[in-house]
Amino acid sequence: QSDPNFADKIRHIRDPKNRMAVVWAHCKT
């Protein structure tokens, strides 16, 4: 399931580590 809102939310994150953390948090919920 892909969440367009989520993709929008992380699109502006330039830092890979930061983006990883956000993605990780999103996947765990």
PDB file of N, CA and C in Angstrom:
ATOM      1  N   GLN A   1       0.843  -1.198   0.000  1.00  0.00           N
ATOM      2  CA  GLN A   1       0.000   0.000   0.000  1.00  0.00           C
ATOM      3  C   GLN A   1       0.878   1.248   0.000  1.00  0.00           C
ATOM      4  N   SER A   2       0.753   2.048  -1.023  1.00  0.00           N
ATOM      5  CA  SER A   2       1.562   3.265  -1.093  1.00  0.00           C
ATOM      6  C   SER A   2       0.699   4.466  -0.739  1.00  0.00           C
ATOM      7  N   ASP A   3       1.232   5.313   0.106  1.00  0.00           N
ATOM      8  CA  ASP A   3       0.506   6.475   0.586  1.00  0.00           C
ATOM      9  C   ASP A   3       1.052   7.729  -0.090  1.00  0.00           C
ATOM     10  N   PRO A   4       0.285   8.311  -1.005  1.00  0.00           N
ATOM     11  CA  PRO A   4       0.730   9.502  -1.749  1.00  0.00           C
ATOM     12  C   PRO A   4       1.075  10.654  -0.813  1.00  0.00           C
ATOM     13  N   ASN A   5       0.323  10.775   0.249  1.00  0.00           N
ATOM     14  CA  ASN A   5       0.601  11.822   1.241  1.00  0.00           C
ATOM     15  C   ASN A   5       1.974  11.626   1.848  1.00  0.00           C
ATOM     16  N   PHE A   6       2.294  10.365   2.134  1.00  0.00           N
ATOM     17  CA  PHE A   6       3.581  10.033   2.750  1.00  0.00           C
ATOM     18  C   PHE A   6       4.724  10.338   1.788  1.00  0.00           C
ATOM     19  N   ALA A   7       4.538   9.981   0.535  1.00  0.00           N
ATOM     20  CA  ALA A   7       5.565  10.259  -0.477  1.00  0.00           C
ATOM     21  C   ALA A   7       5.822  11.758  -0.551  1.00  0.00           C
ATOM     22  N   ASP A   8       4.732  12.523  -0.473  1.00  0.00           N
ATOM     23  CA  ASP A   8       4.851  13.976  -0.490  1.00  0.00           C
ATOM     24  C   ASP A   8       5.622  14.464   0.726  1.00  0.00           C
ATOM     25  N   LYS A   9       5.358  13.794   1.849  1.00  0.00           N
ATOM     26  CA  LYS A   9       5.944  14.225   3.119  1.00  0.00           C
ATOM     27  C   LYS A   9       7.451  14.037   3.133  1.00  0.00           C
ATOM     28  N   ILE A  10       7.936  12.962   2.474  1.00  0.00           N
ATOM     29  CA  ILE A  10       9.378  12.684   2.531  1.00  0.00           C
ATOM     30  C   ILE A  10      10.125  13.180   1.298  1.00  0.00           C
ATOM     31  N   ARG A  11       9.375  13.716   0.316  1.00  0.00           N
ATOM     32  CA  ARG A  11      10.027  14.156  -0.921  1.00  0.00           C
ATOM     33  C   ARG A  11      11.033  15.267  -0.656  1.00  0.00           C
ATOM     34  N   HIS A  12      10.729  16.132   0.323  1.00  0.00           N
ATOM     35  CA  HIS A  12      11.577  17.303   0.557  1.00  0.00           C
ATOM     36  C   HIS A  12      12.780  16.975   1.433  1.00  0.00           C
ATOM     37  N   ILE A  13      12.811  15.759   1.985  1.00  0.00           N
ATOM     38  CA  ILE A  13      13.926  15.381   2.869  1.00  0.00           C
ATOM     39  C   ILE A  13      15.159  15.035   2.038  1.00  0.00           C
ATOM     40  N   ARG A  14      16.187  15.846   2.171  1.00  0.00           N
ATOM     41  CA  ARG A  14      17.405  15.629   1.380  1.00  0.00           C
ATOM     42  C   ARG A  14      18.342  14.642   2.066  1.00  0.00           C
ATOM     43  N   ASP A  15      18.310  14.617   3.389  1.00  0.00           N
ATOM     44  CA  ASP A  15      19.235  13.767   4.150  1.00  0.00           C
ATOM     45  C   ASP A  15      18.746  12.321   4.172  1.00  0.00           C
ATOM     46  N   PRO A  16      19.498  11.413   3.562  1.00  0.00           N
ATOM     47  CA  PRO A  16      19.107   9.998   3.453  1.00  0.00           C
ATOM     48  C   PRO A  16      18.840   9.371   4.815  1.00  0.00           C
ATOM     49  N   LYS A  17      19.670   9.707   5.788  1.00  0.00           N
ATOM     50  CA  LYS A  17      19.490   9.130   7.132  1.00  0.00           C
ATOM     51  C   LYS A  17      18.171   9.597   7.722  1.00  0.00           C
ATOM     52  N   ASN A  18      17.913  10.879   7.551  1.00  0.00           N
ATOM     53  CA  ASN A  18      16.677  11.453   8.067  1.00  0.00           C
ATOM     54  C   ASN A  18      15.476  10.802   7.392  1.00  0.00           C
ATOM     55  N   ARG A  19      15.560  10.662   6.066  1.00  0.00           N
ATOM     56  CA  ARG A  19      14.465  10.054   5.313  1.00  0.00           C
ATOM     57  C   ARG A  19      14.273   8.608   5.745  1.00  0.00           C
ATOM     58  N   MET A  20      15.386   7.908   5.968  1.00  0.00           N
ATOM     59  CA  MET A  20      15.327   6.514   6.401  1.00  0.00           C
ATOM     60  C   MET A  20      14.558   6.418   7.710  1.00  0.00           C
ATOM     61  N   ALA A  21      14.863   7.337   8.628  1.00  0.00           N
ATOM     62  CA  ALA A  21      14.213   7.328   9.942  1.00  0.00           C
ATOM     63  C   ALA A  21      12.711   7.534   9.800  1.00  0.00           C
ATOM     64  N   VAL A  22      12.332   8.456   8.930  1.00  0.00           N
ATOM     65  CA  VAL A  22      10.907   8.740   8.724  1.00  0.00           C
ATOM     66  C   VAL A  22      10.209   7.540   8.098  1.00  0.00           C
ATOM     67  N   VAL A  23      10.846   6.960   7.089  1.00  0.00           N
ATOM     68  CA  VAL A  23      10.276   5.782   6.428  1.00  0.00           C
ATOM     69  C   VAL A  23      10.143   4.632   7.421  1.00  0.00           C
ATOM     70  N   TRP A  24      11.184   4.442   8.205  1.00  0.00           N
ATOM     71  CA  TRP A  24      11.196   3.367   9.202  1.00  0.00           C
ATOM     72  C   TRP A  24      10.044   3.542  10.182  1.00  0.00           C
ATOM     73  N   ALA A  25       9.906   4.784  10.688  1.00  0.00           N
ATOM     74  CA  ALA A  25       8.836   5.078  11.645  1.00  0.00           C
ATOM     75  C   ALA A  25       7.477   4.836  10.996  1.00  0.00           C
ATOM     76  N   HIS A  26       7.364   5.185   9.724  1.00  0.00           N
ATOM     77  CA  HIS A  26       6.097   5.026   9.008  1.00  0.00           C
ATOM     78  C   HIS A  26       5.760   3.550   8.838  1.00  0.00           C
ATOM     79  N   CYS A  27       6.770   2.759   8.571  1.00  0.00           N
ATOM     80  CA  CYS A  27       6.550   1.328   8.322  1.00  0.00           C
ATOM     81  C   CYS A  27       6.195   0.592   9.609  1.00  0.00           C
ATOM     82  N   LYS A  28       6.729   1.065  10.727  1.00  0.00           N
ATOM     83  CA  LYS A  28       6.532   0.357  11.990  1.00  0.00           C
ATOM     84  C   LYS A  28       5.147   0.593  12.589  1.00  0.00           C
ATOM     85  N   THR A  29       4.483   1.665  12.177  1.00  0.00           N
ATOM     86  CA  THR A  29       3.170   1.976  12.744  1.00  0.00           C
ATOM     87  C   THR A  29       2.081   1.155  12.092  1.00  0.00           C
TER      88      THR A  29
END
